[in-house]
Amino acid sequence: MLRSKLAEEAHIVDSSEGDDFATALVKGYESCSSDPQHVRMWLWEALDTGRRKIAAETERRALFEREKAQIRRAQRSGHLTADIDEDLLLLVRIGLLAAPTSLPQVTRLVTGMGPEDPKFRRRWSKCLRAIAALLAADGSTTRQPPTKSVGASRTCAVRISPQM
């Protein structure tokens, strides 16, 4: 089952080769949210693995290397800021993709919606695009998130100070 899922993930990575970071992020999220059992399998593995050998370690590392290569290409082409380590950016990406599904109770507590709710999924995808826009090398985006007071906004308005 794991190898089958890895092949599917590799196909998603390969099919998003020409996508910008935002589009690839949203595609990855849609894949994670459409198969919550796979994300939960990661969590069970994390709780159970300890120092044991990681299942399909070689194949998984290869998949992550392909994803890091995409990040590096986007950085070299000027579409993604180059001042973030690609290893760490991949970890951030994985966290953004899996968080709502891996922590459904937190998603409900924070948003009042479950991660499977289409309205939540649209909001989260919009938030992912806003985060990706902040990581764009030129800082621009085709769609700026509106600035509203806290609690009034239904988008993800994220601000990062230059000191970070």
Protein backbone atom coordinates (compact mmCIF):
# COMPACT_ATOMS: atom_id res chain seq x y z
CA MET A 1 0.00 0.00 0.00
CA LEU A 2 2.82 2.40 0.90
CA ARG A 3 4.66 1.79 -2.38
CA SER A 4 1.43 2.39 -4.32
CA LYS A 5 0.91 5.69 -2.50
CA LEU A 6 4.54 6.68 -3.13
CA ALA A 7 4.05 6.09 -6.86
CA GLU A 8 0.95 8.30 -6.75
CA GLU A 9 2.85 11.02 -4.89
CA ALA A 10 5.72 10.82 -7.39
CA HIS A 11 3.19 11.31 -10.18
CA ILE A 12 1.82 14.41 -8.40
CA VAL A 13 5.33 15.82 -7.96
CA ASP A 14 6.17 15.15 -11.60
CA SER A 15 2.87 16.57 -12.86
CA SER A 16 3.43 19.80 -10.95
CA GLU A 17 6.92 20.31 -12.43
CA GLY A 18 5.92 23.49 -14.29
CA ASP A 19 3.63 24.82 -11.57
CA ASP A 20 4.50 27.76 -9.40
CA PHE A 21 5.04 27.08 -5.68
CA ALA A 22 1.50 28.17 -4.77
CA THR A 23 -0.16 25.85 -7.28
CA ALA A 24 2.06 22.92 -6.29
CA LEU A 25 1.28 23.63 -2.63
CA VAL A 26 -2.47 23.59 -3.25
CA LYS A 27 -2.23 20.42 -5.37
CA GLY A 28 -0.27 18.72 -2.61
CA TYR A 29 -2.84 19.80 -0.03
CA GLU A 30 -5.69 18.48 -2.17
CA SER A 31 -3.87 15.15 -2.42
CA CYS A 32 -3.36 14.98 1.36
CA SER A 33 -6.91 16.01 2.17
CA SER A 34 -8.39 13.56 -0.31
CA ASP A 35 -6.64 10.66 1.45
CA PRO A 36 -6.70 11.35 5.21
CA GLN A 37 -5.83 7.72 5.97
CA HIS A 38 -2.43 8.19 4.34
CA VAL A 39 -1.66 11.21 6.51
CA ARG A 40 -2.81 9.31 9.59
CA MET A 41 -0.56 6.42 8.60
CA TRP A 42 2.39 8.86 8.79
CA LEU A 43 1.31 9.74 12.33
CA TRP A 44 1.04 6.11 13.43
CA GLU A 45 4.44 5.46 11.91
CA ALA A 46 5.92 8.42 13.78
CA LEU A 47 4.51 7.17 17.08
CA ASP A 48 5.68 3.61 16.47
CA THR A 49 8.99 3.95 14.62
CA GLY A 50 11.39 5.13 17.27
CA ARG A 51 14.79 4.04 16.04
CA ARG A 52 13.56 1.22 13.80
CA LYS A 53 14.19 1.24 10.08
CA ILE A 54 11.83 3.51 8.16
CA ALA A 55 9.57 1.66 5.72
CA ALA A 56 10.43 2.31 2.06
CA GLU A 57 13.13 4.70 3.21
CA THR A 58 15.04 4.75 -0.09
CA GLU A 59 11.93 5.49 -2.17
CA ARG A 60 10.71 8.14 0.25
CA ARG A 61 14.07 9.90 0.36
CA ALA A 62 14.13 9.89 -3.45
CA LEU A 63 10.68 11.49 -3.56
CA PHE A 64 11.73 14.18 -1.08
CA GLU A 65 14.88 14.83 -3.13
CA ARG A 66 12.69 15.40 -6.20
CA GLU A 67 10.60 17.88 -4.23
CA LYS A 68 13.71 19.70 -2.99
CA ALA A 69 15.02 19.83 -6.56
CA GLN A 70 11.78 21.59 -7.60
CA ILE A 71 12.25 24.10 -4.80
CA ARG A 72 15.87 24.75 -5.87
CA ARG A 73 14.80 25.24 -9.50
CA ALA A 74 12.14 27.74 -8.41
CA GLN A 75 14.75 29.56 -6.33
CA ARG A 76 17.29 29.63 -9.18
CA SER A 77 14.68 30.88 -11.65
CA GLY A 78 13.75 33.71 -9.30
CA HIS A 79 10.19 32.51 -8.65
CA LEU A 80 10.86 31.60 -5.02
CA THR A 81 13.00 33.42 -2.49
CA ALA A 82 16.48 31.94 -2.33
CA ASP A 83 17.13 32.80 1.31
CA ILE A 84 15.24 29.81 2.73
CA ASP A 85 16.96 26.45 3.04
CA GLU A 86 15.20 23.97 0.73
CA ASP A 87 15.32 21.18 3.34
CA LEU A 88 13.49 23.34 5.85
CA LEU A 89 11.10 24.76 3.28
CA LEU A 90 10.14 21.21 2.35
CA LEU A 91 9.41 20.47 6.02
CA VAL A 92 7.27 23.62 6.19
CA ARG A 93 5.46 22.53 3.04
CA ILE A 94 4.77 19.06 4.45
CA GLY A 95 3.46 20.61 7.67
CA LEU A 96 1.13 22.94 5.77
CA LEU A 97 -0.17 20.06 3.66
CA ALA A 98 -0.79 17.67 6.52
CA ALA A 99 -1.75 19.86 9.49
CA PRO A 100 -5.53 20.09 8.96
CA THR A 101 -5.89 16.35 8.29
CA SER A 102 -3.47 15.19 10.97
CA LEU A 103 -5.03 17.44 13.61
CA PRO A 104 -8.75 17.45 12.71
CA GLN A 105 -9.78 18.33 16.26
CA VAL A 106 -7.56 21.42 16.22
CA THR A 107 -8.91 22.37 12.79
CA ARG A 108 -12.46 22.17 14.20
CA LEU A 109 -11.58 24.08 17.36
CA VAL A 110 -9.86 26.89 15.45
CA THR A 111 -12.18 27.23 12.46
CA GLY A 112 -15.43 25.61 13.53
CA MET A 113 -15.18 23.31 10.49
CA GLY A 114 -13.76 19.88 9.88
CA PRO A 115 -10.88 19.44 7.44
CA GLU A 116 -13.19 17.55 5.08
CA ASP A 117 -15.62 20.48 4.81
CA PRO A 118 -15.46 21.97 1.26
CA LYS A 119 -15.70 25.48 2.71
CA PHE A 120 -12.70 24.83 4.96
CA ARG A 121 -10.75 23.31 2.07
CA ARG A 122 -11.37 26.42 -0.05
CA ARG A 123 -10.27 28.68 2.84
CA TRP A 124 -7.14 26.60 3.47
CA SER A 125 -6.22 26.59 -0.24
CA LYS A 126 -6.60 30.37 -0.31
CA CYS A 127 -4.41 30.62 2.79
CA LEU A 128 -1.76 28.40 1.17
CA ARG A 129 -1.71 30.69 -1.86
CA ALA A 130 -1.24 33.72 0.41
CA ILE A 131 1.65 32.03 2.23
CA ALA A 132 3.24 31.04 -1.08
CA ALA A 133 2.94 34.65 -2.26
CA LEU A 134 5.02 35.71 0.73
CA LEU A 135 7.71 33.28 -0.35
CA ALA A 136 7.77 34.54 -3.92
CA ALA A 137 11.16 36.00 -4.76
CA ASP A 138 9.72 39.33 -5.89
CA GLY A 139 7.18 39.43 -3.07
CA SER A 140 4.37 39.96 -5.56
CA THR A 141 1.25 37.95 -6.05
CA THR A 142 -1.60 38.08 -8.47
CA ARG A 143 -4.04 38.18 -5.59
CA GLN A 144 -3.17 40.14 -2.48
CA PRO A 145 -4.98 38.95 0.65
CA PRO A 146 -7.30 41.65 1.98
CA THR A 147 -6.28 43.32 5.21
CA LYS A 148 -9.06 43.22 7.76
CA SER A 149 -9.25 43.29 11.50
CA VAL A 150 -8.57 40.06 13.35
CA GLY A 151 -11.63 37.83 13.36
CA ALA A 152 -13.29 39.59 10.44
CA SER A 153 -11.17 38.07 7.71
CA ARG A 154 -11.94 34.75 6.05
CA THR A 155 -8.58 34.66 4.30
CA CYS A 156 -5.13 33.96 5.61
CA ALA A 157 -3.46 37.32 6.12
CA VAL A 158 0.13 36.60 7.13
CA ARG A 159 2.72 39.26 7.79
CA ILE A 160 6.43 38.52 8.04
CA SER A 161 8.75 41.21 9.29
CA PRO A 162 12.13 41.75 7.58
CA GLN A 163 13.89 40.72 10.83
CA MET A 164 12.59 37.13 10.60
